[in-house]
């Protein structure tokens, strides 16, 4: 319709915008994942050790929400954009899943890989 000149006003394809994608993945996934965990378990996250496997867009959102609710956040199985020292101000601890499995209270996988991290945590 736009090419034919039949639109009466400009239209923006919001679903194709990178900002919308970031918002959905970082904020939406983080919020809905934490909400689902809280509703299913009725636990209080404050003081718990919350392990996030993966630190991409979705993992960042989950980690931020858990930290905001008072959990001690541990991130593992991160990709190349993970800041191991925690200097980005978002993380408390970074470690391998073998270590995190021994101290974690709540675990969430926020990556697309299947593998050892799921078996280790269980």
PDB file of N, CA and C in Angstrom:
ATOM      1  N   UNK A   1       0.827  -1.196   0.000  1.00  0.00           N
ATOM      2  CA  UNK A   1       0.000   0.000   0.000  1.00  0.00           C
ATOM      3  C   UNK A   1       0.868   1.255   0.000  1.00  0.00           C
ATOM      4  N   UNK A   2       2.003   1.181   0.706  1.00  0.00           N
ATOM      5  CA  UNK A   2       2.886   2.340   0.740  1.00  0.00           C
ATOM      6  C   UNK A   2       3.466   2.643  -0.623  1.00  0.00           C
ATOM      7  N   UNK A   3       3.883   1.590  -1.337  1.00  0.00           N
ATOM      8  CA  UNK A   3       4.455   1.780  -2.667  1.00  0.00           C
ATOM      9  C   UNK A   3       3.417   2.287  -3.660  1.00  0.00           C
ATOM     10  N   UNK A   4       2.163   1.915  -3.437  1.00  0.00           N
ATOM     11  CA  UNK A   4       1.091   2.331  -4.345  1.00  0.00           C
ATOM     12  C   UNK A   4       0.579   3.725  -4.017  1.00  0.00           C
ATOM     13  N   UNK A   5       1.044   4.312  -2.915  1.00  0.00           N
ATOM     14  CA  UNK A   5       0.600   5.652  -2.538  1.00  0.00           C
ATOM     15  C   UNK A   5      -0.790   5.682  -1.940  1.00  0.00           C
ATOM     16  N   UNK A   6      -1.270   4.575  -1.372  1.00  0.00           N
ATOM     17  CA  UNK A   6      -2.623   4.499  -0.833  1.00  0.00           C
ATOM     18  C   UNK A   6      -2.692   4.687   0.680  1.00  0.00           C
ATOM     19  N   UNK A   7      -1.557   4.830   1.337  1.00  0.00           N
ATOM     20  CA  UNK A   7      -1.574   5.070   2.783  1.00  0.00           C
ATOM     21  C   UNK A   7      -1.857   6.547   3.040  1.00  0.00           C
ATOM     22  N   UNK A   8      -2.740   6.808   3.983  1.00  0.00           N
ATOM     23  CA  UNK A   8      -3.104   8.179   4.292  1.00  0.00           C
ATOM     24  C   UNK A   8      -2.132   8.837   5.275  1.00  0.00           C
ATOM     25  N   UNK A   9      -1.331   8.020   5.950  1.00  0.00           N
ATOM     26  CA  UNK A   9      -0.354   8.522   6.920  1.00  0.00           C
ATOM     27  C   UNK A   9       0.826   7.560   6.961  1.00  0.00           C
ATOM     28  N   UNK A  10       1.977   8.003   7.464  1.00  0.00           N
ATOM     29  CA  UNK A  10       3.154   7.111   7.498  1.00  0.00           C
ATOM     30  C   UNK A  10       2.972   5.963   8.490  1.00  0.00           C
ATOM     31  N   UNK A  11       3.512   4.814   8.154  1.00  0.00           N
ATOM     32  CA  UNK A  11       3.418   3.633   8.994  1.00  0.00           C
ATOM     33  C   UNK A  11       4.841   3.141   9.295  1.00  0.00           C
ATOM     34  N   UNK A  12       5.070   2.807  10.540  1.00  0.00           N
ATOM     35  CA  UNK A  12       6.373   2.285  10.946  1.00  0.00           C
ATOM     36  C   UNK A  12       6.183   0.830  11.353  1.00  0.00           C
ATOM     37  N   UNK A  13       7.009  -0.053  10.823  1.00  0.00           N
ATOM     38  CA  UNK A  13       6.944  -1.478  11.167  1.00  0.00           C
ATOM     39  C   UNK A  13       7.653  -1.685  12.499  1.00  0.00           C
ATOM     40  N   UNK A  14       6.920  -1.561  13.587  1.00  0.00           N
ATOM     41  CA  UNK A  14       7.501  -1.629  14.929  1.00  0.00           C
ATOM     42  C   UNK A  14       8.091  -3.001  15.222  1.00  0.00           C
ATOM     43  N   UNK A  15       7.463  -4.066  14.758  1.00  0.00           N
ATOM     44  CA  UNK A  15       7.966  -5.408  15.035  1.00  0.00           C
ATOM     45  C   UNK A  15       9.327  -5.675  14.416  1.00  0.00           C
ATOM     46  N   UNK A  16       9.707  -4.892  13.421  1.00  0.00           N
ATOM     47  CA  UNK A  16      11.007  -5.063  12.781  1.00  0.00           C
ATOM     48  C   UNK A  16      12.089  -4.193  13.417  1.00  0.00           C
ATOM     49  N   UNK A  17      11.723  -3.361  14.368  1.00  0.00           N
ATOM     50  CA  UNK A  17      12.680  -2.435  14.966  1.00  0.00           C
ATOM     51  C   UNK A  17      13.576  -3.147  15.977  1.00  0.00           C
ATOM     52  N   UNK A  18      14.871  -2.843  15.946  1.00  0.00           N
ATOM     53  CA  UNK A  18      15.804  -3.471  16.880  1.00  0.00           C
ATOM     54  C   UNK A  18      15.483  -3.090  18.326  1.00  0.00           C
ATOM     55  N   UNK A  19      15.017  -1.884  18.539  1.00  0.00           N
ATOM     56  CA  UNK A  19      14.666  -1.446  19.888  1.00  0.00           C
ATOM     57  C   UNK A  19      13.539  -2.293  20.455  1.00  0.00           C
ATOM     58  N   UNK A  20      12.551  -2.608  19.643  1.00  0.00           N
ATOM     59  CA  UNK A  20      11.442  -3.444  20.098  1.00  0.00           C
ATOM     60  C   UNK A  20      11.941  -4.842  20.433  1.00  0.00           C
ATOM     61  N   UNK A  21      12.851  -5.362  19.623  1.00  0.00           N
ATOM     62  CA  UNK A  21      13.416  -6.682  19.856  1.00  0.00           C
ATOM     63  C   UNK A  21      14.182  -6.690  21.179  1.00  0.00           C
ATOM     64  N   UNK A  22      14.993  -5.657  21.418  1.00  0.00           N
ATOM     65  CA  UNK A  22      15.727  -5.544  22.677  1.00  0.00           C
ATOM     66  C   UNK A  22      14.774  -5.476  23.860  1.00  0.00           C
ATOM     67  N   UNK A  23      13.755  -4.674  23.746  1.00  0.00           N
ATOM     68  CA  UNK A  23      12.793  -4.539  24.843  1.00  0.00           C
ATOM     69  C   UNK A  23      12.118  -5.862  25.147  1.00  0.00           C
ATOM     70  N   UNK A  24      11.670  -6.560  24.115  1.00  0.00           N
ATOM     71  CA  UNK A  24      11.006  -7.850  24.314  1.00  0.00           C
ATOM     72  C   UNK A  24      11.927  -8.862  24.974  1.00  0.00           C
ATOM     73  N   UNK A  25      13.161  -8.939  24.498  1.00  0.00           N
ATOM     74  CA  UNK A  25      14.079  -9.950  25.001  1.00  0.00           C
ATOM     75  C   UNK A  25      14.664  -9.594  26.355  1.00  0.00           C
ATOM     76  N   UNK A  26      15.163  -8.397  26.522  1.00  0.00           N
ATOM     77  CA  UNK A  26      15.810  -8.026  27.779  1.00  0.00           C
ATOM     78  C   UNK A  26      14.779  -7.816  28.881  1.00  0.00           C
ATOM     79  N   UNK A  27      13.801  -6.966  28.630  1.00  0.00           N
ATOM     80  CA  UNK A  27      12.860  -6.617  29.689  1.00  0.00           C
ATOM     81  C   UNK A  27      11.685  -7.581  29.782  1.00  0.00           C
ATOM     82  N   UNK A  28      11.105  -7.945  28.662  1.00  0.00           N
ATOM     83  CA  UNK A  28       9.939  -8.823  28.681  1.00  0.00           C
ATOM     84  C   UNK A  28      10.249 -10.216  29.173  1.00  0.00           C
ATOM     85  N   UNK A  29      11.301 -10.821  28.645  1.00  0.00           N
ATOM     86  CA  UNK A  29      11.657 -12.171  29.064  1.00  0.00           C
ATOM     87  C   UNK A  29      12.071 -12.199  30.521  1.00  0.00           C
ATOM     88  N   UNK A  30      12.854 -11.212  30.932  1.00  0.00           N
ATOM     89  CA  UNK A  30      13.268 -11.154  32.335  1.00  0.00           C
ATOM     90  C   UNK A  30      12.088 -11.061  33.270  1.00  0.00           C
ATOM     91  N   UNK A  31      11.180 -10.161  32.969  1.00  0.00           N
ATOM     92  CA  UNK A  31      10.023  -9.959  33.830  1.00  0.00           C
ATOM     93  C   UNK A  31       9.110 -11.175  33.850  1.00  0.00           C
ATOM     94  N   UNK A  32       8.798 -11.719  32.683  1.00  0.00           N
ATOM     95  CA  UNK A  32       7.862 -12.840  32.646  1.00  0.00           C
ATOM     96  C   UNK A  32       8.472 -14.116  33.227  1.00  0.00           C
ATOM     97  N   UNK A  33       9.763 -14.312  33.054  1.00  0.00           N
ATOM     98  CA  UNK A  33      10.410 -15.501  33.629  1.00  0.00           C
ATOM     99  C   UNK A  33      10.386 -15.458  35.145  1.00  0.00           C
ATOM    100  N   UNK A  34      10.762 -14.317  35.709  1.00  0.00           N
ATOM    101  CA  UNK A  34      10.741 -14.175  37.168  1.00  0.00           C
ATOM    102  C   UNK A  34       9.314 -14.307  37.689  1.00  0.00           C
ATOM    103  N   UNK A  35       8.366 -13.705  37.004  1.00  0.00           N
ATOM    104  CA  UNK A  35       6.969 -13.800  37.421  1.00  0.00           C
ATOM    105  C   UNK A  35       6.504 -15.249  37.432  1.00  0.00           C
ATOM    106  N   UNK A  36       6.855 -16.015  36.401  1.00  0.00           N
ATOM    107  CA  UNK A  36       6.472 -17.419  36.348  1.00  0.00           C
ATOM    108  C   UNK A  36       7.076 -18.238  37.478  1.00  0.00           C
ATOM    109  N   UNK A  37       8.335 -17.982  37.778  1.00  0.00           N
ATOM    110  CA  UNK A  37       8.997 -18.699  38.878  1.00  0.00           C
ATOM    111  C   UNK A  37       8.333 -18.372  40.207  1.00  0.00           C
ATOM    112  N   UNK A  38       8.062 -17.105  40.438  1.00  0.00           N
ATOM    113  CA  UNK A  38       7.445 -16.699  41.703  1.00  0.00           C
ATOM    114  C   UNK A  38       6.035 -17.277  41.856  1.00  0.00           C
ATOM    115  N   UNK A  39       5.264 -17.267  40.793  1.00  0.00           N
ATOM    116  CA  UNK A  39       3.902 -17.800  40.861  1.00  0.00           C
ATOM    117  C   UNK A  39       3.895 -19.313  41.053  1.00  0.00           C
ATOM    118  N   UNK A  40       4.842 -20.001  40.419  1.00  0.00           N
ATOM    119  CA  UNK A  40       4.874 -21.466  40.503  1.00  0.00           C
ATOM    120  C   UNK A  40       5.429 -21.967  41.834  1.00  0.00           C
ATOM    121  N   UNK A  41       6.318 -21.184  42.454  1.00  0.00           N
ATOM    122  CA  UNK A  41       7.001 -21.694  43.647  1.00  0.00           C
ATOM    123  C   UNK A  41       6.649 -20.949  44.929  1.00  0.00           C
ATOM    124  N   UNK A  42       6.122 -19.747  44.829  1.00  0.00           N
ATOM    125  CA  UNK A  42       5.813 -18.910  45.996  1.00  0.00           C
ATOM    126  C   UNK A  42       7.030 -18.674  46.889  1.00  0.00           C
ATOM    127  N   UNK A  43       8.210 -18.570  46.269  1.00  0.00           N
ATOM    128  CA  UNK A  43       9.408 -18.307  47.063  1.00  0.00           C
ATOM    129  C   UNK A  43       9.709 -16.818  47.098  1.00  0.00           C
ATOM    130  N   UNK A  44      10.480 -16.420  48.068  1.00  0.00           N
ATOM    131  CA  UNK A  44      10.976 -15.059  48.166  1.00  0.00           C
ATOM    132  C   UNK A  44      12.389 -15.072  47.609  1.00  0.00           C
ATOM    133  N   UNK A  45      12.681 -14.252  46.603  1.00  0.00           N
ATOM    134  CA  UNK A  45      13.993 -14.272  45.977  1.00  0.00           C
ATOM    135  C   UNK A  45      15.065 -13.575  46.812  1.00  0.00           C
ATOM    136  N   UNK A  46      14.680 -12.656  47.658  1.00  0.00           N
ATOM    137  CA  UNK A  46      15.667 -11.930  48.460  1.00  0.00           C
ATOM    138  C   UNK A  46      16.498 -12.909  49.279  1.00  0.00           C
ATOM    139  N   UNK A  47      17.809 -12.816  49.124  1.00  0.00           N
ATOM    140  CA  UNK A  47      18.718 -13.679  49.861  1.00  0.00           C
ATOM    141  C   UNK A  47      19.010 -15.013  49.206  1.00  0.00           C
ATOM    142  N   UNK A  48      18.260 -15.360  48.166  1.00  0.00           N
ATOM    143  CA  UNK A  48      18.498 -16.619  47.464  1.00  0.00           C
ATOM    144  C   UNK A  48      19.640 -16.435  46.456  1.00  0.00           C
ATOM    145  N   UNK A  49      20.297 -17.529  46.119  1.00  0.00           N
ATOM    146  CA  UNK A  49      21.305 -17.509  45.056  1.00  0.00           C
ATOM    147  C   UNK A  49      20.621 -17.940  43.776  1.00  0.00           C
ATOM    148  N   UNK A  50      20.569 -17.043  42.823  1.00  0.00           N
ATOM    149  CA  UNK A  50      19.827 -17.210  41.578  1.00  0.00           C
ATOM    150  C   UNK A  50      20.840 -17.410  40.454  1.00  0.00           C
ATOM    151  N   UNK A  51      20.841 -18.593  39.852  1.00  0.00           N
ATOM    152  CA  UNK A  51      21.820 -18.934  38.827  1.00  0.00           C
ATOM    153  C   UNK A  51      21.188 -18.782  37.446  1.00  0.00           C
ATOM    154  N   UNK A  52      21.825 -17.983  36.597  1.00  0.00           N
ATOM    155  CA  UNK A  52      21.362 -17.761  35.232  1.00  0.00           C
ATOM    156  C   UNK A  52      22.386 -18.374  34.280  1.00  0.00           C
ATOM    157  N   UNK A  53      21.969 -19.381  33.529  1.00  0.00           N
ATOM    158  CA  UNK A  53      22.838 -20.000  32.530  1.00  0.00           C
ATOM    159  C   UNK A  53      22.643 -19.269  31.214  1.00  0.00           C
ATOM    160  N   UNK A  54      23.618 -18.469  30.846  1.00  0.00           N
ATOM    161  CA  UNK A  54      23.541 -17.676  29.623  1.00  0.00           C
ATOM    162  C   UNK A  54      23.408 -16.206  29.950  1.00  0.00           C
ATOM    163  N   UNK A  55      24.126 -15.377  29.215  1.00  0.00           N
ATOM    164  CA  UNK A  55      24.086 -13.939  29.490  1.00  0.00           C
ATOM    165  C   UNK A  55      23.969 -13.154  28.200  1.00  0.00           C
ATOM    166  N   UNK A  56      23.045 -13.585  27.365  1.00  0.00           N
ATOM    167  CA  UNK A  56      22.722 -12.823  26.167  1.00  0.00           C
ATOM    168  C   UNK A  56      21.647 -11.808  26.528  1.00  0.00           C
ATOM    169  N   UNK A  57      20.834 -11.420  25.573  1.00  0.00           N
ATOM    170  CA  UNK A  57      19.773 -10.449  25.836  1.00  0.00           C
ATOM    171  C   UNK A  57      18.807 -10.948  26.907  1.00  0.00           C
ATOM    172  N   UNK A  58      18.353 -12.177  26.772  1.00  0.00           N
ATOM    173  CA  UNK A  58      17.387 -12.716  27.736  1.00  0.00           C
ATOM    174  C   UNK A  58      18.016 -12.926  29.108  1.00  0.00           C
ATOM    175  N   UNK A  59      19.220 -13.484  29.143  1.00  0.00           N
ATOM    176  CA  UNK A  59      19.900 -13.723  30.408  1.00  0.00           C
ATOM    177  C   UNK A  59      20.165 -12.439  31.179  1.00  0.00           C
ATOM    178  N   UNK A  60      20.508 -11.369  30.468  1.00  0.00           N
ATOM    179  CA  UNK A  60      20.721 -10.070  31.117  1.00  0.00           C
ATOM    180  C   UNK A  60      19.449  -9.581  31.793  1.00  0.00           C
ATOM    181  N   UNK A  61      18.331  -9.736  31.102  1.00  0.00           N
ATOM    182  CA  UNK A  61      17.062  -9.303  31.675  1.00  0.00           C
ATOM    183  C   UNK A  61      16.671 -10.104  32.897  1.00  0.00           C
ATOM    184  N   UNK A  62      16.852 -11.409  32.839  1.00  0.00           N
ATOM    185  CA  UNK A  62      16.534 -12.276  33.973  1.00  0.00           C
ATOM    186  C   UNK A  62      17.437 -11.929  35.157  1.00  0.00           C
ATOM    187  N   UNK A  63      18.740 -11.778  34.895  1.00  0.00           N
ATOM    188  CA  UNK A  63      19.694 -11.458  35.966  1.00  0.00           C
ATOM    189  C   UNK A  63      19.363 -10.108  36.610  1.00  0.00           C
ATOM    190  N   UNK A  64      19.018  -9.133  35.801  1.00  0.00           N
ATOM    191  CA  UNK A  64      18.693  -7.809  36.338  1.00  0.00           C
ATOM    192  C   UNK A  64      17.446  -7.847  37.227  1.00  0.00           C
ATOM    193  N   UNK A  65      16.422  -8.587  36.799  1.00  0.00           N
ATOM    194  CA  UNK A  65      15.196  -8.681  37.604  1.00  0.00           C
ATOM    195  C   UNK A  65      15.456  -9.412  38.914  1.00  0.00           C
ATOM    196  N   UNK A  66      16.220 -10.487  38.856  1.00  0.00           N
ATOM    197  CA  UNK A  66      16.522 -11.252  40.075  1.00  0.00           C
ATOM    198  C   UNK A  66      17.341 -10.402  41.047  1.00  0.00           C
ATOM    199  N   UNK A  67      18.324  -9.683  40.538  1.00  0.00           N
ATOM    200  CA  UNK A  67      19.133  -8.810  41.384  1.00  0.00           C
ATOM    201  C   UNK A  67      18.270  -7.713  41.994  1.00  0.00           C
ATOM    202  N   UNK A  68      17.359  -7.181  41.202  1.00  0.00           N
ATOM    203  CA  UNK A  68      16.452  -6.145  41.689  1.00  0.00           C
ATOM    204  C   UNK A  68      15.529  -6.622  42.793  1.00  0.00           C
ATOM    205  N   UNK A  69      15.290  -7.922  42.843  1.00  0.00           N
ATOM    206  CA  UNK A  69      14.433  -8.483  43.889  1.00  0.00           C
ATOM    207  C   UNK A  69      15.243  -8.993  45.075  1.00  0.00           C
ATOM    208  N   UNK A  70      16.539  -8.678  45.088  1.00  0.00           N
ATOM    209  CA  UNK A  70      17.357  -8.992  46.242  1.00  0.00           C
ATOM    210  C   UNK A  70      18.093 -10.310  46.200  1.00  0.00           C
ATOM    211  N   UNK A  71      18.070 -10.991  45.061  1.00  0.00           N
ATOM    212  CA  UNK A  71      18.781 -12.267  44.956  1.00  0.00           C
ATOM    213  C   UNK A  71      20.264 -12.029  44.705  1.00  0.00           C
ATOM    214  N   UNK A  72      21.070 -12.984  45.123  1.00  0.00           N
ATOM    215  CA  UNK A  72      22.489 -12.986  44.777  1.00  0.00           C
ATOM    216  C   UNK A  72      22.581 -13.692  43.425  1.00  0.00           C
ATOM    217  N   UNK A  73      22.952 -12.967  42.393  1.00  0.00           N
ATOM    218  CA  UNK A  73      22.921 -13.494  41.034  1.00  0.00           C
ATOM    219  C   UNK A  73      24.277 -14.079  40.657  1.00  0.00           C
ATOM    220  N   UNK A  74      24.235 -15.293  40.126  1.00  0.00           N
ATOM    221  CA  UNK A  74      25.411 -15.952  39.570  1.00  0.00           C
ATOM    222  C   UNK A  74      25.124 -16.213  38.095  1.00  0.00           C
ATOM    223  N   UNK A  75      26.035 -15.817  37.229  1.00  0.00           N
ATOM    224  CA  UNK A  75      25.872 -16.050  35.796  1.00  0.00           C
ATOM    225  C   UNK A  75      26.936 -17.031  35.350  1.00  0.00           C
ATOM    226  N   UNK A  76      26.536 -18.002  34.550  1.00  0.00           N
ATOM    227  CA  UNK A  76      27.506 -18.980  34.034  1.00  0.00           C
ATOM    228  C   UNK A  76      27.147 -19.353  32.601  1.00  0.00           C
ATOM    229  N   UNK A  77      28.060 -20.078  31.977  1.00  0.00           N
ATOM    230  CA  UNK A  77      27.894 -20.510  30.590  1.00  0.00           C
ATOM    231  C   UNK A  77      27.717 -19.312  29.664  1.00  0.00           C
ATOM    232  N   UNK A  78      28.445 -18.250  29.920  1.00  0.00           N
ATOM    233  CA  UNK A  78      28.298 -17.029  29.140  1.00  0.00           C
ATOM    234  C   UNK A  78      29.044 -17.066  27.824  1.00  0.00           C
ATOM    235  N   UNK A  79      28.636 -16.192  26.949  1.00  0.00           N
ATOM    236  CA  UNK A  79      29.272 -16.070  25.644  1.00  0.00           C
ATOM    237  C   UNK A  79      30.396 -15.054  25.682  1.00  0.00           C
ATOM    238  N   UNK A  80      30.874 -14.652  24.515  1.00  0.00           N
ATOM    239  CA  UNK A  80      32.016 -13.747  24.441  1.00  0.00           C
ATOM    240  C   UNK A  80      31.720 -12.335  24.954  1.00  0.00           C
ATOM    241  N   UNK A  81      30.454 -11.947  25.034  1.00  0.00           N
ATOM    242  CA  UNK A  81      30.133 -10.599  25.509  1.00  0.00           C
ATOM    243  C   UNK A  81      29.962 -10.545  27.023  1.00  0.00           C
ATOM    244  N   UNK A  82      30.162 -11.667  27.699  1.00  0.00           N
ATOM    245  CA  UNK A  82      30.059 -11.698  29.150  1.00  0.00           C
ATOM    246  C   UNK A  82      31.281 -11.040  29.762  1.00  0.00           C
ATOM    247  N   UNK A  83      31.065 -10.212  30.724  1.00  0.00           N
ATOM    248  CA  UNK A  83      32.160  -9.535  31.408  1.00  0.00           C
ATOM    249  C   UNK A  83      32.525 -10.349  32.647  1.00  0.00           C
ATOM    250  N   UNK A  84      33.558 -11.203  32.588  1.00  0.00           N
ATOM    251  CA  UNK A  84      33.844 -12.125  33.687  1.00  0.00           C
ATOM    252  C   UNK A  84      34.129 -11.444  35.015  1.00  0.00           C
ATOM    253  N   UNK A  85      34.672 -10.247  34.986  1.00  0.00           N
ATOM    254  CA  UNK A  85      35.028  -9.599  36.246  1.00  0.00           C
ATOM    255  C   UNK A  85      33.834  -8.951  36.925  1.00  0.00           C
ATOM    256  N   UNK A  86      32.720  -8.850  36.236  1.00  0.00           N
ATOM    257  CA  UNK A  86      31.553  -8.190  36.806  1.00  0.00           C
ATOM    258  C   UNK A  86      31.672  -6.688  36.786  1.00  0.00           C
ATOM    259  N   UNK A  87      32.613  -6.153  36.008  1.00  0.00           N
ATOM    260  CA  UNK A  87      32.841  -4.711  35.970  1.00  0.00           C
ATOM    261  C   UNK A  87      31.711  -3.936  35.298  1.00  0.00           C
ATOM    262  N   UNK A  88      30.778  -4.640  34.684  1.00  0.00           N
ATOM    263  CA  UNK A  88      29.697  -3.931  34.012  1.00  0.00           C
ATOM    264  C   UNK A  88      28.638  -3.439  34.998  1.00  0.00           C
ATOM    265  N   UNK A  89      28.780  -3.748  36.262  1.00  0.00           N
ATOM    266  CA  UNK A  89      27.858  -3.263  37.282  1.00  0.00           C
ATOM    267  C   UNK A  89      26.580  -4.058  37.382  1.00  0.00           C
ATOM    268  N   UNK A  90      26.426  -5.078  36.577  1.00  0.00           N
ATOM    269  CA  UNK A  90      25.177  -5.831  36.560  1.00  0.00           C
ATOM    270  C   UNK A  90      25.259  -7.138  37.326  1.00  0.00           C
ATOM    271  N   UNK A  91      26.468  -7.641  37.531  1.00  0.00           N
ATOM    272  CA  UNK A  91      26.611  -8.988  38.075  1.00  0.00           C
ATOM    273  C   UNK A  91      27.154  -8.980  39.488  1.00  0.00           C
ATOM    274  N   UNK A  92      26.849 -10.025  40.197  1.00  0.00           N
ATOM    275  CA  UNK A  92      27.478 -10.259  41.495  1.00  0.00           C
ATOM    276  C   UNK A  92      28.630 -11.239  41.315  1.00  0.00           C
ATOM    277  N   UNK A  93      28.364 -12.369  40.650  1.00  0.00           N
ATOM    278  CA  UNK A  93      29.378 -13.409  40.511  1.00  0.00           C
ATOM    279  C   UNK A  93      29.274 -14.066  39.148  1.00  0.00           C
ATOM    280  N   UNK A  94      30.402 -14.513  38.659  1.00  0.00           N
ATOM    281  CA  UNK A  94      30.464 -15.259  37.410  1.00  0.00           C
ATOM    282  C   UNK A  94      31.254 -16.523  37.700  1.00  0.00           C
ATOM    283  N   UNK A  95      30.708 -17.672  37.329  1.00  0.00           N
ATOM    284  CA  UNK A  95      31.411 -18.938  37.565  1.00  0.00           C
ATOM    285  C   UNK A  95      30.889 -20.006  36.622  1.00  0.00           C
ATOM    286  N   UNK A  96      31.552 -21.123  36.615  1.00  0.00           N
ATOM    287  CA  UNK A  96      31.121 -22.269  35.823  1.00  0.00           C
ATOM    288  C   UNK A  96      29.937 -22.947  36.518  1.00  0.00           C
ATOM    289  N   UNK A  97      29.125 -23.648  35.736  1.00  0.00           N
ATOM    290  CA  UNK A  97      27.943 -24.299  36.285  1.00  0.00           C
ATOM    291  C   UNK A  97      28.303 -25.355  37.331  1.00  0.00           C
ATOM    292  N   UNK A  98      29.447 -26.012  37.181  1.00  0.00           N
ATOM    293  CA  UNK A  98      29.854 -27.004  38.174  1.00  0.00           C
ATOM    294  C   UNK A  98      29.927 -26.384  39.566  1.00  0.00           C
ATOM    295  N   UNK A  99      30.439 -25.162  39.652  1.00  0.00           N
ATOM    296  CA  UNK A  99      30.529 -24.467  40.936  1.00  0.00           C
ATOM    297  C   UNK A  99      29.165 -23.936  41.370  1.00  0.00           C
ATOM    298  N   UNK A 100      28.434 -23.363  40.436  1.00  0.00           N
ATOM    299  CA  UNK A 100      27.138 -22.760  40.754  1.00  0.00           C
ATOM    300  C   UNK A 100      26.115 -23.786  41.214  1.00  0.00           C
ATOM    301  N   UNK A 101      26.208 -25.007  40.698  1.00  0.00           N
ATOM    302  CA  UNK A 101      25.252 -26.055  41.063  1.00  0.00           C
ATOM    303  C   UNK A 101      25.305 -26.365  42.555  1.00  0.00           C
ATOM    304  N   UNK A 102      26.460 -26.163  43.157  1.00  0.00           N
ATOM    305  CA  UNK A 102      26.616 -26.472  44.582  1.00  0.00           C
ATOM    306  C   UNK A 102      26.023 -25.394  45.485  1.00  0.00           C
ATOM    307  N   UNK A 103      25.891 -24.179  44.982  1.00  0.00           N
ATOM    308  CA  UNK A 103      25.432 -23.084  45.849  1.00  0.00           C
ATOM    309  C   UNK A 103      24.094 -22.479  45.442  1.00  0.00           C
ATOM    310  N   UNK A 104      23.584 -22.806  44.258  1.00  0.00           N
ATOM    311  CA  UNK A 104      22.375 -22.169  43.746  1.00  0.00           C
ATOM    312  C   UNK A 104      21.098 -22.649  44.410  1.00  0.00           C
ATOM    313  N   UNK A 105      20.154 -21.724  44.548  1.00  0.00           N
ATOM    314  CA  UNK A 105      18.819 -22.049  45.053  1.00  0.00           C
ATOM    315  C   UNK A 105      17.800 -22.112  43.916  1.00  0.00           C
ATOM    316  N   UNK A 106      17.947 -21.217  42.948  1.00  0.00           N
ATOM    317  CA  UNK A 106      17.031 -21.129  41.811  1.00  0.00           C
ATOM    318  C   UNK A 106      17.885 -21.121  40.549  1.00  0.00           C
ATOM    319  N   UNK A 107      17.499 -21.912  39.551  1.00  0.00           N
ATOM    320  CA  UNK A 107      18.256 -22.007  38.306  1.00  0.00           C
ATOM    321  C   UNK A 107      17.349 -21.679  37.137  1.00  0.00           C
ATOM    322  N   UNK A 108      17.884 -20.945  36.172  1.00  0.00           N
ATOM    323  CA  UNK A 108      17.142 -20.683  34.937  1.00  0.00           C
ATOM    324  C   UNK A 108      18.120 -20.719  33.771  1.00  0.00           C
ATOM    325  N   UNK A 109      17.709 -21.352  32.696  1.00  0.00           N
ATOM    326  CA  UNK A 109      18.514 -21.399  31.485  1.00  0.00           C
ATOM    327  C   UNK A 109      18.006 -20.337  30.539  1.00  0.00           C
ATOM    328  N   UNK A 110      18.894 -19.451  30.138  1.00  0.00           N
ATOM    329  CA  UNK A 110      18.521 -18.357  29.240  1.00  0.00           C
ATOM    330  C   UNK A 110      19.427 -18.370  28.015  1.00  0.00           C
ATOM    331  N   UNK A 111      19.645 -19.551  27.482  1.00  0.00           N
ATOM    332  CA  UNK A 111      20.413 -19.648  26.249  1.00  0.00           C
ATOM    333  C   UNK A 111      19.765 -20.679  25.343  1.00  0.00           C
ATOM    334  N   UNK A 112      20.263 -20.762  24.140  1.00  0.00           N
ATOM    335  CA  UNK A 112      19.654 -21.656  23.160  1.00  0.00           C
ATOM    336  C   UNK A 112      20.334 -23.011  23.099  1.00  0.00           C
ATOM    337  N   UNK A 113      21.302 -23.216  23.947  1.00  0.00           N
ATOM    338  CA  UNK A 113      22.067 -24.461  23.879  1.00  0.00           C
ATOM    339  C   UNK A 113      21.511 -25.499  24.833  1.00  0.00           C
ATOM    340  N   UNK A 114      21.490 -26.725  24.368  1.00  0.00           N
ATOM    341  CA  UNK A 114      21.216 -27.837  25.260  1.00  0.00           C
ATOM    342  C   UNK A 114      22.576 -28.374  25.676  1.00  0.00           C
ATOM    343  N   UNK A 115      22.636 -28.918  26.852  1.00  0.00           N
ATOM    344  CA  UNK A 115      23.929 -29.466  27.180  1.00  0.00           C
ATOM    345  C   UNK A 115      24.133 -29.739  28.644  1.00  0.00           C
ATOM    346  N   UNK A 116      25.388 -29.762  29.002  1.00  0.00           N
ATOM    347  CA  UNK A 116      25.833 -30.182  30.306  1.00  0.00           C
ATOM    348  C   UNK A 116      25.294 -29.304  31.423  1.00  0.00           C
ATOM    349  N   UNK A 117      25.068 -28.027  31.190  1.00  0.00           N
ATOM    350  CA  UNK A 117      24.627 -27.154  32.285  1.00  0.00           C
ATOM    351  C   UNK A 117      23.301 -27.598  32.882  1.00  0.00           C
ATOM    352  N   UNK A 118      22.420 -28.140  32.066  1.00  0.00           N
ATOM    353  CA  UNK A 118      21.141 -28.631  32.606  1.00  0.00           C
ATOM    354  C   UNK A 118      21.360 -29.857  33.467  1.00  0.00           C
ATOM    355  N   UNK A 119      22.178 -30.767  33.040  1.00  0.00           N
ATOM    356  CA  UNK A 119      22.438 -31.993  33.797  1.00  0.00           C
ATOM    357  C   UNK A 119      23.191 -31.701  35.096  1.00  0.00           C
ATOM    358  N   UNK A 120      24.127 -30.753  35.047  1.00  0.00           N
ATOM    359  CA  UNK A 120      24.909 -30.411  36.232  1.00  0.00           C
ATOM    360  C   UNK A 120      24.020 -29.841  37.321  1.00  0.00           C
ATOM    361  N   UNK A 121      23.125 -28.954  36.947  1.00  0.00           N
ATOM    362  CA  UNK A 121      22.257 -28.302  37.930  1.00  0.00           C
ATOM    363  C   UNK A 121      21.291 -29.294  38.579  1.00  0.00           C
ATOM    364  N   UNK A 122      20.866 -30.288  37.814  1.00  0.00           N
ATOM    365  CA  UNK A 122      19.934 -31.262  38.358  1.00  0.00           C
ATOM    366  C   UNK A 122      20.663 -32.249  39.222  1.00  0.00           C
TER     367      UNK A 122
END
